[in-house]
Amino acid sequence: MDLRWIKSSRSFSNGDCVEVAGLPDGAICVRDSKDSDGPVLRFTPDEWRTFLVEVVRNK
């Protein structure tokens, strides 16, 4: 399956970035943009929502 990867809008020019892609089942994949063939983290929709809530809460 070809995923549409989106780089973080907070990316720095030094390449320290992450990319995310959505799956048809609502899951979210995350990878290091410097290593597109490397490991991919997969989150369920609930796990992703929890992550985002915690990021905003701890900003």
PDB file of N, CA and C in Angstrom:
ATOM      1  N   MET A   1       0.835  -1.173   0.000  1.00  0.00           N
ATOM      2  CA  MET A   1       0.000   0.000   0.000  1.00  0.00           C
ATOM      3  C   MET A   1       0.883   1.239   0.000  1.00  0.00           C
ATOM      4  N   ASP A   2       0.603   2.162  -0.902  1.00  0.00           N
ATOM      5  CA  ASP A   2       1.320   3.432  -0.942  1.00  0.00           C
ATOM      6  C   ASP A   2       0.634   4.417  -0.001  1.00  0.00           C
ATOM      7  N   LEU A   3       1.404   4.921   0.936  1.00  0.00           N
ATOM      8  CA  LEU A   3       0.870   5.885   1.892  1.00  0.00           C
ATOM      9  C   LEU A   3       1.247   7.296   1.478  1.00  0.00           C
ATOM     10  N   ARG A   4       0.402   8.240   1.802  1.00  0.00           N
ATOM     11  CA  ARG A   4       0.689   9.658   1.565  1.00  0.00           C
ATOM     12  C   ARG A   4       1.279  10.225   2.853  1.00  0.00           C
ATOM     13  N   TRP A   5       2.597  10.350   2.878  1.00  0.00           N
ATOM     14  CA  TRP A   5       3.302  10.833   4.056  1.00  0.00           C
ATOM     15  C   TRP A   5       3.309  12.353   4.068  1.00  0.00           C
ATOM     16  N   ILE A   6       3.064  12.925   5.237  1.00  0.00           N
ATOM     17  CA  ILE A   6       3.042  14.376   5.416  1.00  0.00           C
ATOM     18  C   ILE A   6       4.090  14.733   6.463  1.00  0.00           C
ATOM     19  N   LYS A   7       4.983  15.641   6.088  1.00  0.00           N
ATOM     20  CA  LYS A   7       6.038  16.058   7.013  1.00  0.00           C
ATOM     21  C   LYS A   7       5.494  17.103   7.986  1.00  0.00           C
ATOM     22  N   SER A   8       5.978  17.047   9.200  1.00  0.00           N
ATOM     23  CA  SER A   8       5.571  17.986  10.232  1.00  0.00           C
ATOM     24  C   SER A   8       5.781  19.431   9.794  1.00  0.00           C
ATOM     25  N   SER A   9       4.812  20.284  10.097  1.00  0.00           N
ATOM     26  CA  SER A   9       4.956  21.706   9.781  1.00  0.00           C
ATOM     27  C   SER A   9       5.999  22.366  10.675  1.00  0.00           C
ATOM     28  N   ARG A  10       6.414  21.693  11.723  1.00  0.00           N
ATOM     29  CA  ARG A  10       7.436  22.213  12.643  1.00  0.00           C
ATOM     30  C   ARG A  10       8.826  21.686  12.298  1.00  0.00           C
ATOM     31  N   SER A  11       8.992  21.149  11.085  1.00  0.00           N
ATOM     32  CA  SER A  11      10.273  20.579  10.676  1.00  0.00           C
ATOM     33  C   SER A  11      11.351  21.646  10.619  1.00  0.00           C
ATOM     34  N   PHE A  12      12.549  21.235  10.967  1.00  0.00           N
ATOM     35  CA  PHE A  12      13.694  22.120  10.901  1.00  0.00           C
ATOM     36  C   PHE A  12      14.520  21.767   9.677  1.00  0.00           C
ATOM     37  N   SER A  13      15.308  22.710   9.196  1.00  0.00           N
ATOM     38  CA  SER A  13      16.115  22.478   8.000  1.00  0.00           C
ATOM     39  C   SER A  13      17.214  21.446   8.222  1.00  0.00           C
ATOM     40  N   ASN A  14      17.494  21.100   9.484  1.00  0.00           N
ATOM     41  CA  ASN A  14      18.529  20.106   9.762  1.00  0.00           C
ATOM     42  C   ASN A  14      18.035  18.672   9.596  1.00  0.00           C
ATOM     43  N   GLY A  15      16.768  18.491   9.217  1.00  0.00           N
ATOM     44  CA  GLY A  15      16.249  17.157   8.941  1.00  0.00           C
ATOM     45  C   GLY A  15      15.657  16.438  10.135  1.00  0.00           C
ATOM     46  N   ASP A  16      15.595  17.084  11.295  1.00  0.00           N
ATOM     47  CA  ASP A  16      15.014  16.455  12.480  1.00  0.00           C
ATOM     48  C   ASP A  16      13.489  16.554  12.405  1.00  0.00           C
ATOM     49  N   CYS A  17      12.878  15.630  11.667  1.00  0.00           N
ATOM     50  CA  CYS A  17      11.445  15.706  11.407  1.00  0.00           C
ATOM     51  C   CYS A  17      10.784  14.338  11.536  1.00  0.00           C
ATOM     52  N   VAL A  18       9.495  14.391  11.672  1.00  0.00           N
ATOM     53  CA  VAL A  18       8.691  13.179  11.575  1.00  0.00           C
ATOM     54  C   VAL A  18       7.678  13.374  10.464  1.00  0.00           C
ATOM     55  N   GLU A  19       7.193  12.253   9.943  1.00  0.00           N
ATOM     56  CA  GLU A  19       6.144  12.258   8.939  1.00  0.00           C
ATOM     57  C   GLU A  19       5.020  11.373   9.436  1.00  0.00           C
ATOM     58  N   VAL A  20       3.802  11.720   9.072  1.00  0.00           N
ATOM     59  CA  VAL A  20       2.646  10.914   9.449  1.00  0.00           C
ATOM     60  C   VAL A  20       1.857  10.550   8.200  1.00  0.00           C
ATOM     61  N   ALA A  21       1.155   9.424   8.288  1.00  0.00           N
ATOM     62  CA  ALA A  21       0.286   8.978   7.201  1.00  0.00           C
ATOM     63  C   ALA A  21      -0.925   8.300   7.815  1.00  0.00           C
ATOM     64  N   GLY A  22      -2.074   8.546   7.241  1.00  0.00           N
ATOM     65  CA  GLY A  22      -3.296   7.903   7.701  1.00  0.00           C
ATOM     66  C   GLY A  22      -3.572   6.633   6.920  1.00  0.00           C
ATOM     67  N   LEU A  23      -4.116   5.637   7.604  1.00  0.00           N
ATOM     68  CA  LEU A  23      -4.523   4.385   6.966  1.00  0.00           C
ATOM     69  C   LEU A  23      -6.037   4.372   6.787  1.00  0.00           C
ATOM     70  N   PRO A  24      -6.530   3.578   5.859  1.00  0.00           N
ATOM     71  CA  PRO A  24      -7.976   3.518   5.622  1.00  0.00           C
ATOM     72  C   PRO A  24      -8.803   3.170   6.861  1.00  0.00           C
ATOM     73  N   ASP A  25      -8.234   2.398   7.790  1.00  0.00           N
ATOM     74  CA  ASP A  25      -8.976   2.012   8.998  1.00  0.00           C
ATOM     75  C   ASP A  25      -8.930   3.078  10.092  1.00  0.00           C
ATOM     76  N   GLY A  26      -8.312   4.245   9.789  1.00  0.00           N
ATOM     77  CA  GLY A  26      -8.235   5.328  10.758  1.00  0.00           C
ATOM     78  C   GLY A  26      -6.952   5.340  11.568  1.00  0.00           C
ATOM     79  N   ALA A  27      -6.143   4.306  11.448  1.00  0.00           N
ATOM     80  CA  ALA A  27      -4.874   4.256  12.173  1.00  0.00           C
ATOM     81  C   ALA A  27      -3.922   5.310  11.594  1.00  0.00           C
ATOM     82  N   ILE A  28      -2.938   5.685  12.388  1.00  0.00           N
ATOM     83  CA  ILE A  28      -1.938   6.671  11.989  1.00  0.00           C
ATOM     84  C   ILE A  28      -0.558   6.030  12.071  1.00  0.00           C
ATOM     85  N   CYS A  29       0.244   6.245  11.025  1.00  0.00           N
ATOM     86  CA  CYS A  29       1.622   5.763  11.002  1.00  0.00           C
ATOM     87  C   CYS A  29       2.552   6.959  11.153  1.00  0.00           C
ATOM     88  N   VAL A  30       3.651   6.760  11.855  1.00  0.00           N
ATOM     89  CA  VAL A  30       4.637   7.811  12.092  1.00  0.00           C
ATOM     90  C   VAL A  30       6.011   7.231  11.792  1.00  0.00           C
ATOM     91  N   ARG A  31       6.843   8.034  11.107  1.00  0.00           N
ATOM     92  CA  ARG A  31       8.221   7.594  10.807  1.00  0.00           C
ATOM     93  C   ARG A  31       9.164   8.783  10.844  1.00  0.00           C
ATOM     94  N   ASP A  32      10.441   8.481  10.912  1.00  0.00           N
ATOM     95  CA  ASP A  32      11.503   9.481  10.854  1.00  0.00           C
ATOM     96  C   ASP A  32      11.692   9.856   9.384  1.00  0.00           C
ATOM     97  N   SER A  33      11.601  11.130   9.059  1.00  0.00           N
ATOM     98  CA  SER A  33      11.698  11.542   7.654  1.00  0.00           C
ATOM     99  C   SER A  33      13.081  11.283   7.055  1.00  0.00           C
ATOM    100  N   LYS A  34      14.107  11.155   7.884  1.00  0.00           N
ATOM    101  CA  LYS A  34      15.455  10.865   7.382  1.00  0.00           C
ATOM    102  C   LYS A  34      15.630   9.397   7.025  1.00  0.00           C
ATOM    103  N   ASP A  35      14.712   8.546   7.453  1.00  0.00           N
ATOM    104  CA  ASP A  35      14.849   7.097   7.249  1.00  0.00           C
ATOM    105  C   ASP A  35      13.524   6.534   6.734  1.00  0.00           C
ATOM    106  N   SER A  36      13.192   6.862   5.488  1.00  0.00           N
ATOM    107  CA  SER A  36      11.889   6.472   4.946  1.00  0.00           C
ATOM    108  C   SER A  36      11.714   4.960   4.811  1.00  0.00           C
ATOM    109  N   ASP A  37      12.808   4.210   4.826  1.00  0.00           N
ATOM    110  CA  ASP A  37      12.712   2.744   4.781  1.00  0.00           C
ATOM    111  C   ASP A  37      12.833   2.116   6.165  1.00  0.00           C
ATOM    112  N   GLY A  38      12.951   2.948   7.185  1.00  0.00           N
ATOM    113  CA  GLY A  38      13.132   2.460   8.546  1.00  0.00           C
ATOM    114  C   GLY A  38      11.818   2.072   9.201  1.00  0.00           C
ATOM    115  N   PRO A  39      11.854   1.903  10.505  1.00  0.00           N
ATOM    116  CA  PRO A  39      10.670   1.461  11.242  1.00  0.00           C
ATOM    117  C   PRO A  39       9.546   2.496  11.211  1.00  0.00           C
ATOM    118  N   VAL A  40       8.333   1.981  11.295  1.00  0.00           N
ATOM    119  CA  VAL A  40       7.130   2.816  11.310  1.00  0.00           C
ATOM    120  C   VAL A  40       6.343   2.476  12.564  1.00  0.00           C
ATOM    121  N   LEU A  41       5.958   3.493  13.310  1.00  0.00           N
ATOM    122  CA  LEU A  41       5.084   3.302  14.468  1.00  0.00           C
ATOM    123  C   LEU A  41       3.642   3.403  13.993  1.00  0.00           C
ATOM    124  N   ARG A  42       2.797   2.499  14.466  1.00  0.00           N
ATOM    125  CA  ARG A  42       1.385   2.500  14.075  1.00  0.00           C
ATOM    126  C   ARG A  42       0.535   2.698  15.315  1.00  0.00           C
ATOM    127  N   PHE A  43      -0.371   3.676  15.256  1.00  0.00           N
ATOM    128  CA  PHE A  43      -1.241   3.999  16.376  1.00  0.00           C
ATOM    129  C   PHE A  43      -2.692   3.803  15.977  1.00  0.00           C
ATOM    130  N   THR A  44      -3.488   3.283  16.884  1.00  0.00           N
ATOM    131  CA  THR A  44      -4.927   3.218  16.655  1.00  0.00           C
ATOM    132  C   THR A  44      -5.468   4.642  16.733  1.00  0.00           C
ATOM    133  N   PRO A  45      -6.672   4.875  16.226  1.00  0.00           N
ATOM    134  CA  PRO A  45      -7.244   6.221  16.343  1.00  0.00           C
ATOM    135  C   PRO A  45      -7.326   6.710  17.798  1.00  0.00           C
ATOM    136  N   ASP A  46      -7.705   5.834  18.719  1.00  0.00           N
ATOM    137  CA  ASP A  46      -7.772   6.230  20.135  1.00  0.00           C
ATOM    138  C   ASP A  46      -6.402   6.575  20.703  1.00  0.00           C
ATOM    139  N   GLU A  47      -5.403   5.773  20.367  1.00  0.00           N
ATOM    140  CA  GLU A  47      -4.046   6.058  20.843  1.00  0.00           C
ATOM    141  C   GLU A  47      -3.558   7.392  20.297  1.00  0.00           C
ATOM    142  N   TRP A  48      -3.835   7.682  19.036  1.00  0.00           N
ATOM    143  CA  TRP A  48      -3.396   8.933  18.413  1.00  0.00           C
ATOM    144  C   TRP A  48      -4.079  10.136  19.064  1.00  0.00           C
ATOM    145  N   ARG A  49      -5.393  10.019  19.297  1.00  0.00           N
ATOM    146  CA  ARG A  49      -6.124  11.114  19.960  1.00  0.00           C
ATOM    147  C   ARG A  49      -5.561  11.369  21.354  1.00  0.00           C
ATOM    148  N   THR A  50      -5.278  10.308  22.085  1.00  0.00           N
ATOM    149  CA  THR A  50      -4.702  10.449  23.423  1.00  0.00           C
ATOM    150  C   THR A  50      -3.347  11.141  23.355  1.00  0.00           C
ATOM    151  N   PHE A  51      -2.526  10.738  22.408  1.00  0.00           N
ATOM    152  CA  PHE A  51      -1.219  11.374  22.219  1.00  0.00           C
ATOM    153  C   PHE A  51      -1.375  12.867  21.959  1.00  0.00           C
ATOM    154  N   LEU A  52      -2.259  13.234  21.038  1.00  0.00           N
ATOM    155  CA  LEU A  52      -2.447  14.648  20.702  1.00  0.00           C
ATOM    156  C   LEU A  52      -2.975  15.451  21.884  1.00  0.00           C
ATOM    157  N   VAL A  53      -3.904  14.879  22.646  1.00  0.00           N
ATOM    158  CA  VAL A  53      -4.425  15.562  23.835  1.00  0.00           C
ATOM    159  C   VAL A  53      -3.292  15.823  24.825  1.00  0.00           C
ATOM    160  N   GLU A  54      -2.438  14.845  25.040  1.00  0.00           N
ATOM    161  CA  GLU A  54      -1.333  15.003  25.986  1.00  0.00           C
ATOM    162  C   GLU A  54      -0.311  16.020  25.494  1.00  0.00           C
ATOM    163  N   VAL A  55      -0.059  16.061  24.191  1.00  0.00           N
ATOM    164  CA  VAL A  55       0.875  17.054  23.642  1.00  0.00           C
ATOM    165  C   VAL A  55       0.359  18.459  23.914  1.00  0.00           C
ATOM    166  N   VAL A  56      -0.921  18.682  23.625  1.00  0.00           N
ATOM    167  CA  VAL A  56      -1.508  20.005  23.840  1.00  0.00           C
ATOM    168  C   VAL A  56      -1.533  20.339  25.331  1.00  0.00           C
ATOM    169  N   ARG A  57      -1.876  19.372  26.153  1.00  0.00           N
ATOM    170  CA  ARG A  57      -1.953  19.596  27.605  1.00  0.00           C
ATOM    171  C   ARG A  57      -0.587  19.953  28.195  1.00  0.00           C
ATOM    172  N   ASN A  58       0.468  19.385  27.666  1.00  0.00           N
ATOM    173  CA  ASN A  58       1.812  19.593  28.223  1.00  0.00           C
ATOM    174  C   ASN A  58       2.616  20.618  27.445  1.00  0.00           C
ATOM    175  N   LYS A  59       1.984  21.406  26.662  1.00  0.00           N
ATOM    176  CA  LYS A  59       2.647  22.422  25.846  1.00  0.00           C
ATOM    177  C   LYS A  59       3.250  23.505  26.700  1.00  0.00           C
TER     178      LYS A  59
END
